[in-house]
Amino acid sequence: MKKFNIKSLTLLIVLLPLIVNANNIDSHLLEQNDIAKYVAQSDTVGSFFERFSALLNYPIVVSKQAAKKRISGEFDLSNPEEMLEKLTLLVGLIWYKDGNALYIYDSGELISKVILLENISLNYLIQYLKDANLYDHRYPIRGNISDKTFYISGPPALVELVANTATLLDKQVSSIGTDKVNFGVIKLKNTFVSDRTYNMRGEDIVIPGVATVVERLLNNGKALSNRQAQNDPMPPFNITQKVSEDSNDFSFSSVTNSSILEDVSLIAYPETNSILVKGNDQQIQIIRDIITQLDVAKRHIELSLWIIDIDKSELNNLGVNWQGTASFGDSFGASFNMSSSASISTLDGNKFIASVMALNQKKKANVVSRPVILTQENIPAIFDNNRTFYVSLVGERNSSLEHVTYGTLINVIPRFSSRGQIEMSLTIEDGTGNSQSNYNYNNENTSVLPEVGRTKISTIARVPQGKSLLIGGYTHETNSNEIISIPFLSSIPVIGNVFKYKTSNISNIVRVFLIQPREIKESSYYNTAEYKSLISEREIQKTTQIIPSETTLLEDEKSLVSYLNY
C-alpha cells in the first residue's frame, strides 16, 4: 500500500505540469483550427508578443519595463499591423520597426535628443533615412531653418539610430578628400533639369531648370547666356512661400567659403533628367545636397476659365454691381471693388454659372469660351485665343510686312498659401477689333487699317478652397442687325419685301472672366488600368456575338463613361 502511494504520488508530480500546460493551451485557443483568435488571461507583454512574433514574421524585442505589464482580453490576430496599433495605444506602449526587428517600449521610456550637424544638411539626413526605409513619420525630426541643429523624440531604438546615422554621415563628409577629381550623376525625380520655354505673343518665357539655377549659384548669380539673362517670368508674391511640406523646417548647407565650389563643372543631361557633376568628393556632396532640396514634388491645380458676355441690365438683375456688392440667393453675399483697383471678387462659381446658363437660354448671355488646363504650382498656365492681321509698310526704297495680334490672353501663375488657399498672379489682356477681309481705301487710295482695342488687367488674388474668382465688369457696345419677316408673305417675289423690315439694336455687353481653381489630389486620380481587361473582354464578347444587345453596358462601364464625360 505504501509502495502504491509512493508510485502514484511520483506519477502525479510528473504529469501535473503537462496537465496544467494542456489546460492553459485550451484556454488560449478558442478553436483548434482558428489561430487568428487569441485570449489573453493576465499574460505578460513578453509572452503575448512571443505568439505575436510568429504572425509578423520578424523578431520582437520587449524592454524590461514594458515586459512587466499584463494583458487580458480577446484579440483578433488576422490583421497584425492594425492590432499592434490598437494594443500599444490601449496598454500605453510605444514601438519602432527598423526593418529587421520590432522594438516595444513602455511609454515612459520615450527619450529625446538634440543633435548638431557640422558637414551635412538636415534635409540630406532625412532623405537618407527615407531612402533606407528608416524614417518614421510618427516621430518626425524637427529642426530650425537657420541652424543645423535638430531635435528628435521617440523610442530609444529610433533616437539612437538617428543619432548614429547623423554622426556617421557627418564623419564621412568630413573625411572626404578634396584633391581627387571625381564624377557624380544626380538624377531628378520631381522637376526638370533643363530650361523650359513658353511662347506668349511672340515673347519667350523661360522657366529655369535646376541645372541653370545651380550654375547661376556657382557663378554668383551672373547670367550664363543671353537666354538666361531675360526677365524672370515668375513675379514675387506678397507672402513667402515654403518649398514643400516635407522641407518646411529644413534648408541645405550654407557654403561659407566660396572657394570650396571653385572649378566645379555641371552638365545637364535631359534624356535621363540628370545632372553630371565634375569635382572632388566634397564638392559633389554639396551640389547633391542643394539639388535634393530643390527637387521637391509639386501639387497639381486644375484651372477652369469661363469667358462670358452678359447683357448689362441682366447682370445688374443678377445682383452684380461692380461698385457695390454681389448676391446670389439668400446664403451668399460679397463686397468688392470698393477701391480704384480692377473689378475682382471671389464667389461661389457654381451658382453664378447656373444663373448665366439661364440667361443663355434667353439669349441674354453668351459663354464665349471655356478652356480647362492642368498645371503645377508656381508654373504658368497660358490661355491665348488671338487673331492676326498683316500690314504692308511701303517706303521709298524698301517695304516690309508687319503683323498686329489681338484677342484674349490670360496668364495665370498659381501657388498655395499657408492656409491652403490658392493664390494666383493674373495677367489678362482682352482685345477686340473691327477686322475686315478687304481693306477700305480713302480718297488717296490708301488703305485704312482696322482699329484694335485692348483692355489689360494685372492683379494678385487669393481664392479659398471651393470658391471662384470673378474678374471684369467693363462694358462695350455691340451693334446687331436683325431682319423680321412675316412667314410665307415675305417670300413672295417682288412684293415680299413689303412684309420685311430691318431693325438695328445697340446693346451694352459686359465681359467677365470666371476662374475656378481646384487642387487635384492623388485620391482624385482615376485608375483606368482595371478597366483594360473589362473592355477587352467586352470586345471579345461583341465579336463572338455572346451579348444580345450591343447597347447594354455593365455598371463599371457606365461609371467609366460618366467619369470621362465629366
Protein backbone atom coordinates (compact mmCIF):
# COMPACT_ATOMS: atom_id res chain seq x y z
CA MET A 1 0.00 0.00 0.00
CA LYS A 2 2.87 2.32 0.87
CA LYS A 3 4.63 1.46 -2.39
CA PHE A 4 1.48 2.18 -4.33
CA ASN A 5 1.12 5.60 -2.74
CA ILE A 6 4.71 6.49 -3.47
CA LYS A 7 4.39 5.42 -7.12
CA SER A 8 1.09 7.27 -7.51
CA LEU A 9 2.48 10.40 -5.99
CA THR A 10 5.54 10.27 -8.25
CA LEU A 11 3.37 9.81 -11.36
CA LEU A 12 1.12 12.68 -10.32
CA ILE A 13 4.08 15.01 -9.88
CA VAL A 14 5.38 14.11 -13.36
CA LEU A 15 2.03 14.53 -15.12
CA LEU A 16 0.85 17.66 -13.29
CA PRO A 17 2.85 20.19 -15.42
CA LEU A 18 1.61 18.54 -18.59
CA ILE A 19 -2.00 18.71 -17.42
CA VAL A 20 -1.65 22.38 -16.42
CA ASN A 21 0.03 23.21 -19.73
CA ALA A 22 -2.70 21.42 -21.68
CA ASN A 23 -5.39 23.34 -19.82
CA ASN A 24 -3.50 26.57 -20.46
CA ILE A 25 -3.32 25.84 -24.19
CA ASP A 26 -7.02 25.03 -24.31
CA SER A 27 -7.84 28.31 -22.58
CA HIS A 28 -5.76 30.29 -25.02
CA LEU A 29 -7.18 28.75 -28.17
CA LEU A 30 -10.86 29.27 -28.73
CA GLU A 31 -10.79 26.84 -31.60
CA GLN A 32 -8.04 24.48 -32.60
CA ASN A 33 -8.21 25.47 -36.27
CA ASP A 34 -8.71 29.21 -35.71
CA ILE A 35 -5.27 30.62 -34.90
CA ALA A 36 -6.46 34.22 -35.55
CA LYS A 37 -8.35 34.29 -32.25
CA TYR A 38 -6.33 34.61 -29.08
CA VAL A 39 -7.47 35.05 -25.48
CA ALA A 40 -5.01 36.51 -23.00
CA GLN A 41 -5.59 35.89 -19.32
CA SER A 42 -3.31 38.23 -17.42
CA ASP A 43 -0.46 37.40 -19.81
CA THR A 44 2.74 39.40 -19.63
CA VAL A 45 3.59 41.62 -22.60
CA GLY A 46 6.65 39.45 -23.27
CA SER A 47 4.71 36.19 -23.53
CA PHE A 48 1.97 37.81 -25.58
CA PHE A 49 4.39 39.16 -28.19
CA GLU A 50 6.15 35.80 -28.41
CA ARG A 51 2.99 34.45 -30.04
CA PHE A 52 2.54 37.68 -31.94
CA SER A 53 6.08 37.49 -33.40
CA ALA A 54 5.26 34.41 -35.49
CA LEU A 55 2.43 36.23 -37.25
CA LEU A 56 4.59 39.26 -38.08
CA ASN A 57 7.48 37.10 -39.36
CA TYR A 58 10.18 39.11 -37.59
CA PRO A 59 11.58 39.11 -34.04
CA ILE A 60 10.15 41.33 -31.33
CA VAL A 61 12.34 42.90 -28.64
CA VAL A 62 10.45 43.92 -25.49
CA SER A 63 12.07 46.17 -22.90
CA LYS A 64 12.17 45.10 -19.25
CA GLN A 65 9.81 47.85 -18.17
CA ALA A 66 7.26 47.02 -20.86
CA ALA A 67 7.52 43.28 -20.14
CA LYS A 68 6.17 43.84 -16.61
CA LYS A 69 2.75 44.88 -17.91
CA ARG A 70 -0.01 42.29 -18.21
CA ILE A 71 -2.69 41.90 -20.86
CA SER A 72 -6.14 40.33 -20.65
CA GLY A 73 -8.80 40.03 -23.30
CA GLU A 74 -9.69 38.51 -26.64
CA PHE A 75 -7.62 39.60 -29.64
CA ASP A 76 -8.13 39.20 -33.38
CA LEU A 77 -4.73 38.45 -34.94
CA SER A 78 -5.96 38.33 -38.54
CA ASN A 79 -4.56 41.84 -39.11
CA PRO A 80 -1.37 42.04 -37.01
CA GLU A 81 -0.40 45.59 -38.03
CA GLU A 82 -3.79 47.02 -37.07
CA MET A 83 -3.89 45.04 -33.84
CA LEU A 84 -0.41 46.30 -32.91
CA GLU A 85 -1.54 49.93 -33.25
CA LYS A 86 -4.63 49.41 -31.10
CA LEU A 87 -2.88 47.32 -28.45
CA THR A 88 0.04 49.70 -27.91
CA LEU A 89 -2.36 52.63 -27.66
CA LEU A 90 -4.55 50.90 -25.05
CA VAL A 91 -1.75 49.44 -22.93
CA GLY A 92 0.49 52.52 -23.08
CA LEU A 93 3.33 51.20 -25.20
CA ILE A 94 5.45 52.71 -27.96
CA TRP A 95 7.17 50.82 -30.76
CA TYR A 96 9.56 51.22 -33.65
CA LYS A 97 10.45 48.88 -36.52
CA ASP A 98 13.77 49.20 -38.33
CA GLY A 99 13.04 46.53 -40.93
CA ASN A 100 14.79 43.72 -39.05
CA ALA A 101 13.08 43.73 -35.66
CA LEU A 102 10.19 45.31 -33.77
CA TYR A 103 11.11 47.15 -30.57
CA ILE A 104 8.46 47.50 -27.82
CA TYR A 105 8.88 50.04 -25.01
CA ASP A 106 6.80 51.46 -22.22
CA SER A 107 5.58 54.98 -22.98
CA GLY A 108 7.62 56.25 -20.04
CA GLU A 109 10.82 55.14 -21.79
CA LEU A 110 10.44 57.73 -24.56
CA ILE A 111 13.65 59.77 -24.86
CA SER A 112 14.66 62.99 -26.64
CA LYS A 113 17.94 64.22 -28.04
CA VAL A 114 19.31 67.39 -29.68
CA ILE A 115 21.98 66.78 -32.33
CA LEU A 116 24.26 69.26 -34.11
CA LEU A 117 25.33 68.66 -37.72
CA GLU A 118 28.62 70.04 -38.99
CA ASN A 119 29.09 68.90 -42.58
CA ILE A 120 25.74 67.68 -43.89
CA SER A 121 22.34 69.32 -44.06
CA LEU A 122 19.28 68.26 -42.17
CA ASN A 123 17.38 67.60 -45.38
CA TYR A 124 20.12 65.27 -46.60
CA LEU A 125 19.90 63.25 -43.38
CA ILE A 126 16.11 62.96 -43.64
CA GLN A 127 16.27 61.93 -47.29
CA TYR A 128 18.88 59.29 -46.43
CA LEU A 129 16.64 57.83 -43.71
CA LYS A 130 13.66 57.79 -46.07
CA ASP A 131 15.62 56.05 -48.82
CA ALA A 132 16.72 53.42 -46.30
CA ASN A 133 13.13 52.99 -45.00
CA LEU A 134 14.24 54.01 -41.52
CA TYR A 135 12.30 57.28 -41.19
CA ASP A 136 9.17 57.12 -39.02
CA HIS A 137 6.61 59.86 -39.66
CA ARG A 138 5.10 59.30 -36.22
CA TYR A 139 8.28 60.69 -34.69
CA PRO A 140 9.36 63.48 -37.08
CA ILE A 141 12.72 65.19 -36.97
CA ARG A 142 12.28 68.85 -36.07
CA GLY A 143 14.85 71.44 -37.00
CA ASN A 144 15.49 75.15 -37.30
CA ILE A 145 15.73 76.77 -40.72
CA SER A 146 18.71 78.97 -39.83
CA ASP A 147 20.51 76.32 -37.73
CA LYS A 148 21.92 72.88 -38.42
CA THR A 149 20.60 71.61 -35.11
CA PHE A 150 17.67 69.21 -34.95
CA TYR A 151 15.53 67.61 -32.27
CA ILE A 152 14.29 64.02 -32.23
CA SER A 153 11.97 62.39 -29.70
CA GLY A 154 10.77 58.79 -29.77
CA PRO A 155 11.59 55.20 -28.78
CA PRO A 156 15.22 54.66 -27.70
CA ALA A 157 15.96 52.43 -30.71
CA LEU A 158 14.85 55.15 -33.13
CA VAL A 159 16.65 58.00 -31.38
CA GLU A 160 19.90 56.06 -31.16
CA LEU A 161 19.64 55.01 -34.80
CA VAL A 162 19.12 58.59 -35.99
CA ALA A 163 21.94 59.88 -33.80
CA ASN A 164 24.38 57.21 -35.00
CA THR A 165 23.41 57.76 -38.65
CA ALA A 166 23.88 61.53 -38.37
CA THR A 167 27.30 61.08 -36.75
CA LEU A 168 28.41 58.55 -39.35
CA LEU A 169 27.31 60.66 -42.33
CA ASP A 170 28.92 63.74 -40.79
CA LYS A 171 32.23 61.93 -40.39
CA GLN A 172 32.08 60.54 -43.92
CA VAL A 173 31.71 64.01 -45.42
CA SER A 174 34.45 65.47 -43.21
CA SER A 175 36.85 62.70 -44.26
CA ILE A 176 36.13 63.08 -47.97
CA GLY A 177 39.17 64.04 -49.96
CA THR A 178 39.38 67.48 -51.51
CA ASP A 179 42.13 66.84 -54.05
CA LYS A 180 40.96 63.87 -56.08
CA VAL A 181 38.74 64.74 -59.05
CA ASN A 182 35.64 62.62 -59.28
CA PHE A 183 32.38 62.48 -61.23
CA GLY A 184 28.82 62.18 -59.99
CA VAL A 185 25.41 61.67 -61.57
CA ILE A 186 22.42 63.23 -59.79
CA LYS A 187 19.01 62.14 -61.08
CA LEU A 188 16.00 64.40 -60.55
CA LYS A 189 12.60 62.89 -59.77
CA ASN A 190 10.18 65.82 -59.42
CA THR A 191 11.39 68.68 -61.59
CA PHE A 192 13.14 69.35 -64.91
CA VAL A 193 16.88 69.59 -65.26
CA SER A 194 16.76 71.81 -68.38
CA ASP A 195 15.10 75.15 -69.04
CA ARG A 196 11.53 75.19 -70.32
CA THR A 197 10.39 77.85 -72.75
CA TYR A 198 6.84 79.14 -73.28
CA ASN A 199 5.88 81.49 -76.08
CA MET A 200 3.37 84.22 -75.29
CA ARG A 201 2.53 86.58 -78.14
CA GLY A 202 6.00 86.33 -79.62
CA GLU A 203 7.76 86.72 -76.27
CA ASP A 204 9.64 83.77 -74.82
CA ILE A 205 9.05 82.97 -71.16
CA VAL A 206 11.85 80.86 -69.70
CA ILE A 207 11.39 78.71 -66.61
CA PRO A 208 14.95 77.96 -65.48
CA GLY A 209 15.80 74.34 -64.83
CA VAL A 210 17.68 73.02 -61.83
CA ALA A 211 20.97 72.91 -63.75
CA THR A 212 20.67 76.60 -64.63
CA VAL A 213 19.77 77.59 -61.07
CA VAL A 214 22.71 75.72 -59.54
CA GLU A 215 25.11 77.01 -62.16
CA ARG A 216 23.98 80.59 -61.51
CA LEU A 217 24.59 79.98 -57.82
CA LEU A 218 28.11 78.78 -58.53
CA ASN A 219 28.74 81.84 -60.70
CA ASN A 220 27.47 84.25 -58.03
CA GLY A 221 24.16 84.81 -59.78
CA LYS A 222 25.64 86.06 -63.06
CA ALA A 223 23.74 85.35 -66.26
CA LEU A 224 25.29 82.49 -68.17
CA SER A 225 23.73 83.15 -71.54
CA ASN A 226 21.51 85.60 -73.34
CA ARG A 227 18.52 83.38 -72.77
CA GLN A 228 19.15 83.21 -69.06
CA ALA A 229 19.53 86.98 -68.88
CA GLN A 230 15.87 87.54 -69.71
CA ASN A 231 13.42 88.82 -67.16
CA ASP A 232 12.20 86.38 -64.58
CA PRO A 233 8.66 85.32 -65.60
CA MET A 234 7.73 84.42 -62.05
CA PRO A 235 6.73 87.65 -60.27
CA PRO A 236 7.13 87.76 -56.49
CA PHE A 237 4.02 87.28 -54.40
CA ASN A 238 3.12 89.14 -51.25
CA ILE A 239 3.90 86.21 -48.97
CA THR A 240 6.91 83.98 -48.56
CA GLN A 241 6.02 80.51 -49.77
CA LYS A 242 7.90 77.49 -48.48
CA VAL A 243 9.12 74.86 -50.86
CA SER A 244 7.04 71.92 -49.71
CA GLU A 245 5.51 70.30 -46.69
CA ASP A 246 8.41 67.88 -46.41
CA SER A 247 11.01 70.66 -46.37
CA ASN A 248 9.27 73.36 -44.35
CA ASP A 249 11.73 73.12 -41.47
CA PHE A 250 14.90 72.30 -43.37
CA SER A 251 17.44 74.07 -45.53
CA PHE A 252 20.55 72.93 -47.33
CA SER A 253 24.07 73.57 -46.13
CA SER A 254 25.30 77.12 -46.37
CA VAL A 255 28.66 77.41 -48.07
CA THR A 256 30.61 79.98 -46.11
CA ASN A 257 33.74 79.76 -48.22
CA SER A 258 33.13 80.37 -51.92
CA SER A 259 36.48 78.80 -52.81
CA ILE A 260 35.07 75.39 -51.85
CA LEU A 261 32.99 75.31 -55.03
CA GLU A 262 35.65 76.57 -57.42
CA ASP A 263 36.36 74.52 -60.56
CA VAL A 264 33.07 72.63 -60.35
CA SER A 265 31.53 71.67 -63.70
CA LEU A 266 27.85 70.93 -64.32
CA ILE A 267 26.26 69.42 -67.42
CA ALA A 268 22.52 68.85 -67.83
CA TYR A 269 21.52 65.55 -69.42
CA PRO A 270 17.82 65.85 -70.38
CA GLU A 271 17.44 62.29 -71.69
CA THR A 272 17.53 60.88 -68.15
CA ASN A 273 16.71 64.19 -66.42
CA SER A 274 20.06 64.09 -64.65
CA ILE A 275 22.94 66.42 -63.84
CA LEU A 276 26.56 65.39 -64.35
CA VAL A 277 28.94 66.92 -61.81
CA LYS A 278 32.73 67.10 -62.02
CA GLY A 279 34.72 67.97 -58.90
CA ASN A 280 36.13 66.50 -55.74
CA ASP A 281 34.01 64.39 -53.42
CA GLN A 282 33.20 67.27 -51.09
CA GLN A 283 32.03 69.48 -53.95
CA ILE A 284 29.86 66.72 -55.40
CA GLN A 285 28.32 66.17 -51.98
CA ILE A 286 27.45 69.87 -51.61
CA ILE A 287 25.89 70.02 -55.08
CA ARG A 288 23.91 66.84 -54.39
CA ASP A 289 22.64 68.37 -51.14
CA ILE A 290 21.47 71.54 -52.88
CA ILE A 291 19.73 69.63 -55.68
CA THR A 292 17.98 67.36 -53.17
CA GLN A 293 16.50 70.47 -51.57
CA LEU A 294 15.31 71.85 -54.92
CA ASP A 295 13.92 68.59 -56.30
CA VAL A 296 10.58 68.54 -54.49
CA ALA A 297 7.19 67.30 -55.66
CA LYS A 298 4.69 69.99 -56.70
CA ARG A 299 0.95 69.98 -56.15
CA HIS A 300 -1.38 69.95 -59.17
CA ILE A 301 -4.02 72.59 -59.86
CA GLU A 302 -6.81 72.44 -62.42
CA LEU A 303 -7.83 75.84 -63.81
CA SER A 304 -11.24 76.20 -65.45
CA LEU A 305 -11.79 79.50 -67.24
CA TRP A 306 -15.17 80.90 -68.26
CA ILE A 307 -15.21 83.87 -70.64
CA ILE A 308 -18.76 85.24 -70.51
CA ASP A 309 -20.56 88.11 -72.22
CA ILE A 310 -23.66 89.28 -70.33
CA ASP A 311 -26.16 91.99 -71.08
CA LYS A 312 -25.50 94.83 -68.66
CA SER A 313 -29.08 95.13 -67.49
CA GLU A 314 -29.32 91.39 -66.87
CA LEU A 315 -26.03 91.45 -64.98
CA ASN A 316 -27.46 94.08 -62.66
CA ASN A 317 -30.54 91.92 -62.18
CA LEU A 318 -28.26 89.05 -61.13
CA GLY A 319 -27.13 91.16 -58.22
CA VAL A 320 -23.72 92.13 -59.56
CA ASN A 321 -22.73 95.74 -59.04
CA TRP A 322 -19.05 96.36 -59.60
CA GLN A 323 -19.21 99.39 -57.34
CA GLY A 324 -21.06 97.61 -54.55
CA THR A 325 -21.98 94.02 -53.79
CA ALA A 326 -22.81 90.73 -55.42
CA SER A 327 -25.53 88.47 -54.09
CA PHE A 328 -26.63 85.03 -55.26
CA GLY A 329 -29.63 83.72 -53.37
CA ASP A 330 -30.09 84.23 -49.68
CA SER A 331 -26.96 82.48 -48.46
CA PHE A 332 -24.16 84.35 -50.21
CA GLY A 333 -23.06 87.93 -50.42
CA ALA A 334 -19.74 89.66 -51.06
CA SER A 335 -18.48 93.21 -51.21
CA PHE A 336 -15.81 94.14 -53.72
CA ASN A 337 -14.35 96.82 -55.96
CA MET A 338 -14.75 99.48 -53.31
CA SER A 339 -11.42 100.97 -54.38
CA SER A 340 -10.00 102.06 -57.71
CA SER A 341 -8.50 98.63 -58.40
CA ALA A 342 -9.69 96.21 -61.05
CA SER A 343 -13.12 94.66 -60.79
CA ILE A 344 -12.45 91.43 -58.97
CA SER A 345 -14.15 89.22 -56.40
CA THR A 346 -14.32 85.68 -55.05
CA LEU A 347 -17.69 83.94 -55.14
CA ASP A 348 -19.48 80.63 -55.50
CA GLY A 349 -18.84 79.88 -59.16
CA ASN A 350 -21.46 77.14 -59.48
CA LYS A 351 -24.33 79.44 -58.53
CA PHE A 352 -23.09 82.15 -60.86
CA ILE A 353 -22.73 79.73 -63.79
CA ALA A 354 -26.24 78.41 -63.18
CA SER A 355 -27.60 81.95 -63.49
CA VAL A 356 -25.56 82.53 -66.64
CA MET A 357 -26.89 79.35 -68.25
CA ALA A 358 -30.43 80.51 -67.53
CA LEU A 359 -29.68 83.82 -69.27
CA ASN A 360 -28.08 81.95 -72.15
CA GLN A 361 -31.42 80.30 -72.88
CA LYS A 362 -32.91 83.79 -73.21
CA LYS A 363 -30.00 84.91 -75.42
CA LYS A 364 -29.05 87.47 -72.79
CA ALA A 365 -25.68 85.87 -72.08
CA ASN A 366 -23.08 84.02 -74.08
CA VAL A 367 -20.30 81.71 -72.91
CA VAL A 368 -17.58 82.72 -75.35
CA SER A 369 -15.09 80.06 -74.30
CA ARG A 370 -14.43 77.55 -71.54
CA PRO A 371 -10.88 76.16 -71.63
CA VAL A 372 -9.57 73.85 -68.89
CA ILE A 373 -5.90 73.24 -68.17
CA LEU A 374 -3.94 71.24 -65.60
CA THR A 375 -0.79 72.84 -64.23
CA GLN A 376 1.51 72.70 -61.22
CA GLU A 377 2.02 75.27 -58.52
CA ASN A 378 4.42 78.07 -59.47
CA ILE A 379 4.20 77.07 -63.15
CA PRO A 380 2.43 79.48 -65.57
CA ALA A 381 -0.75 78.42 -67.34
CA ILE A 382 -1.41 80.38 -70.53
CA PHE A 383 -4.75 80.74 -72.35
CA ASP A 384 -4.39 82.54 -75.69
CA ASN A 385 -7.10 82.94 -78.33
CA ASN A 386 -5.94 85.53 -80.85
CA ARG A 387 -6.25 86.83 -84.36
CA THR A 388 -3.57 88.42 -86.50
CA PHE A 389 -3.77 90.74 -89.49
CA TYR A 390 -0.81 91.82 -91.58
CA VAL A 391 0.02 95.30 -92.73
CA SER A 392 2.24 96.17 -95.65
CA LEU A 393 4.62 99.05 -94.93
CA VAL A 394 5.90 100.50 -98.20
CA GLY A 395 8.72 103.02 -98.21
CA GLU A 396 10.59 104.84 -100.92
CA ARG A 397 13.18 102.10 -101.35
CA ASN A 398 12.04 99.16 -99.27
CA SER A 399 8.93 97.56 -97.86
CA SER A 400 8.05 95.20 -95.04
CA LEU A 401 5.14 93.20 -93.75
CA GLU A 402 4.19 93.75 -90.12
CA HIS A 403 1.53 91.98 -88.11
CA VAL A 404 -0.84 93.06 -85.35
CA THR A 405 -2.16 90.42 -82.94
CA TYR A 406 -5.15 90.85 -80.69
CA GLY A 407 -7.54 88.64 -78.79
CA THR A 408 -7.94 87.17 -75.33
CA LEU A 409 -4.79 86.33 -73.41
CA ILE A 410 -4.79 85.06 -69.82
CA ASN A 411 -1.61 84.17 -67.96
CA VAL A 412 -2.09 82.55 -64.53
CA ILE A 413 0.65 81.53 -62.09
CA PRO A 414 -0.96 79.64 -59.18
CA ARG A 415 0.50 78.66 -55.86
CA PHE A 416 -0.76 77.57 -52.45
CA SER A 417 -0.79 79.91 -49.48
CA SER A 418 -0.03 78.89 -45.92
CA ARG A 419 -3.71 78.15 -45.17
CA GLY A 420 -4.30 76.00 -48.24
CA GLN A 421 -5.86 78.83 -50.24
CA ILE A 422 -4.90 79.18 -53.89
CA GLU A 423 -3.10 82.42 -54.69
CA MET A 424 -2.86 83.47 -58.33
CA SER A 425 -0.83 86.06 -60.19
CA LEU A 426 -3.05 87.12 -63.10
CA THR A 427 -2.41 88.97 -66.32
CA ILE A 428 -5.44 89.37 -68.59
CA GLU A 429 -5.48 91.11 -71.96
CA ASP A 430 -8.70 91.28 -73.93
CA GLY A 431 -8.52 92.81 -77.39
CA THR A 432 -11.22 93.47 -79.98
CA GLY A 433 -11.01 94.86 -83.48
CA ASN A 434 -13.20 95.57 -86.47
CA SER A 435 -11.21 93.24 -88.69
CA GLN A 436 -12.30 93.06 -92.33
CA SER A 437 -11.34 90.66 -95.07
CA ASN A 438 -10.81 93.53 -97.50
CA TYR A 439 -9.29 96.84 -96.50
CA ASN A 440 -11.16 100.05 -97.14
CA TYR A 441 -9.45 102.76 -99.13
CA ASN A 442 -9.79 106.51 -98.74
CA ASN A 443 -9.74 109.16 -101.44
CA GLU A 444 -5.94 108.97 -101.70
CA ASN A 445 -6.15 105.22 -102.42
CA THR A 446 -4.51 104.48 -99.05
CA SER A 447 -5.67 101.51 -97.04
CA VAL A 448 -7.49 102.27 -93.79
CA LEU A 449 -6.37 99.87 -91.07
CA PRO A 450 -8.88 98.38 -88.65
CA GLU A 451 -8.98 99.67 -85.11
CA VAL A 452 -7.88 97.41 -82.26
CA GLY A 453 -8.91 98.00 -78.67
CA ARG A 454 -7.22 96.33 -75.73
CA THR A 455 -8.10 96.03 -72.06
CA LYS A 456 -5.46 94.86 -69.60
CA ILE A 457 -5.84 93.66 -66.02
CA SER A 458 -2.92 92.63 -63.79
CA THR A 459 -3.51 91.59 -60.22
CA ILE A 460 -2.79 89.08 -57.47
CA ALA A 461 -5.75 87.35 -55.82
CA ARG A 462 -6.24 84.70 -53.19
CA VAL A 463 -9.14 82.26 -53.56
CA PRO A 464 -10.43 79.99 -50.76
CA GLN A 465 -10.85 76.30 -51.50
CA GLY A 466 -14.09 75.65 -53.40
CA LYS A 467 -14.56 79.29 -54.45
CA SER A 468 -14.06 81.01 -57.81
CA LEU A 469 -12.55 84.29 -58.94
CA LEU A 470 -14.70 86.75 -60.91
CA ILE A 471 -12.84 89.40 -62.88
CA GLY A 472 -14.01 92.03 -65.32
CA GLY A 473 -17.07 94.22 -65.44
CA TYR A 474 -16.03 96.56 -68.24
CA THR A 475 -18.67 97.41 -70.84
CA HIS A 476 -18.55 97.67 -74.60
CA GLU A 477 -21.25 98.43 -77.14
CA THR A 478 -22.36 95.97 -79.79
CA ASN A 479 -24.44 96.63 -82.89
CA SER A 480 -26.70 93.90 -84.18
CA ASN A 481 -28.95 93.88 -87.24
CA GLU A 482 -31.99 91.65 -87.36
CA ILE A 483 -34.47 91.08 -90.20
CA ILE A 484 -38.03 90.35 -89.09
CA SER A 485 -40.44 88.97 -91.67
CA ILE A 486 -43.93 87.54 -91.93
CA PRO A 487 -43.83 83.86 -92.90
CA PHE A 488 -44.96 82.92 -96.43
CA LEU A 489 -45.86 86.51 -97.36
CA SER A 490 -42.26 87.68 -97.18
CA SER A 491 -41.21 85.00 -99.69
CA ILE A 492 -43.49 86.29 -102.46
CA PRO A 493 -41.39 87.65 -105.34
CA VAL A 494 -41.26 91.43 -105.82
CA ILE A 495 -43.85 92.34 -103.18
CA GLY A 496 -42.32 90.11 -100.48
CA ASN A 497 -40.05 92.92 -99.30
CA VAL A 498 -43.11 94.81 -98.11
CA PHE A 499 -43.56 92.19 -95.39
CA LYS A 500 -39.97 92.50 -94.14
CA TYR A 501 -38.31 95.11 -92.03
CA LYS A 502 -34.83 95.52 -90.61
CA THR A 503 -34.03 96.55 -87.05
CA SER A 504 -30.75 97.71 -85.55
CA ASN A 505 -30.05 97.14 -81.87
CA ILE A 506 -27.35 98.74 -79.78
CA SER A 507 -26.72 96.94 -76.52
CA ASN A 508 -24.20 97.24 -73.72
CA ILE A 509 -22.35 93.98 -73.10
CA VAL A 510 -20.27 93.26 -70.02
CA ARG A 511 -17.42 90.77 -70.37
CA VAL A 512 -16.43 88.87 -67.23
CA PHE A 513 -13.84 86.18 -66.57
CA LEU A 514 -14.58 83.43 -64.06
CA ILE A 515 -11.60 81.36 -62.94
CA GLN A 516 -12.25 78.18 -60.96
CA PRO A 517 -9.05 76.75 -59.40
CA ARG A 518 -9.17 73.25 -57.95
CA GLU A 519 -6.46 71.17 -56.36
CA ILE A 520 -6.05 67.73 -57.90
CA LYS A 521 -5.00 65.18 -55.29
CA GLU A 522 -3.91 61.59 -55.78
CA SER A 523 -7.28 60.41 -54.46
CA SER A 524 -8.91 62.21 -57.42
CA TYR A 525 -6.94 60.24 -59.99
CA TYR A 526 -8.99 57.66 -61.84
CA ASN A 527 -7.26 54.32 -62.36
CA THR A 528 -8.36 53.09 -65.77
CA ALA A 529 -5.96 50.13 -65.75
CA GLU A 530 -8.55 47.98 -64.00
CA TYR A 531 -10.94 48.54 -66.91
CA LYS A 532 -8.45 47.31 -69.52
CA SER A 533 -9.32 43.66 -69.03
CA LEU A 534 -13.02 44.52 -68.78
CA ILE A 535 -13.07 46.42 -72.06
CA SER A 536 -11.01 43.74 -73.81
CA GLU A 537 -13.45 41.09 -72.60
CA ARG A 538 -16.38 43.12 -73.84
CA GLU A 539 -14.79 43.44 -77.28
CA ILE A 540 -14.31 39.66 -77.44
CA GLN A 541 -17.90 39.10 -76.43
CA LYS A 542 -19.14 41.51 -79.08
CA THR A 543 -17.05 39.77 -81.73
CA THR A 544 -18.41 36.34 -80.83
CA GLN A 545 -21.96 37.78 -80.53
CA ILE A 546 -22.42 36.49 -77.00
CA ILE A 547 -24.04 39.75 -75.93
CA PRO A 548 -27.62 40.02 -77.25
CA SER A 549 -27.61 43.80 -77.30
CA GLU A 550 -24.54 45.91 -78.02
CA THR A 551 -26.14 48.86 -76.31
CA THR A 552 -26.07 47.10 -72.94
CA LEU A 553 -23.36 48.45 -70.64
CA LEU A 554 -22.02 46.98 -67.45
CA GLU A 555 -22.25 49.11 -64.33
CA ASP A 556 -18.48 49.60 -64.25
CA GLU A 557 -18.51 50.75 -67.87
CA LYS A 558 -21.26 53.22 -67.07
CA SER A 559 -19.12 54.62 -64.30
CA LEU A 560 -16.18 54.96 -66.67
CA VAL A 561 -18.24 56.72 -69.34
CA SER A 562 -19.74 59.03 -66.73
CA TYR A 563 -16.28 59.95 -65.47
CA LEU A 564 -14.89 60.62 -68.94
CA ASN A 565 -17.88 62.81 -69.79
CA TYR A 566 -17.27 64.76 -66.59
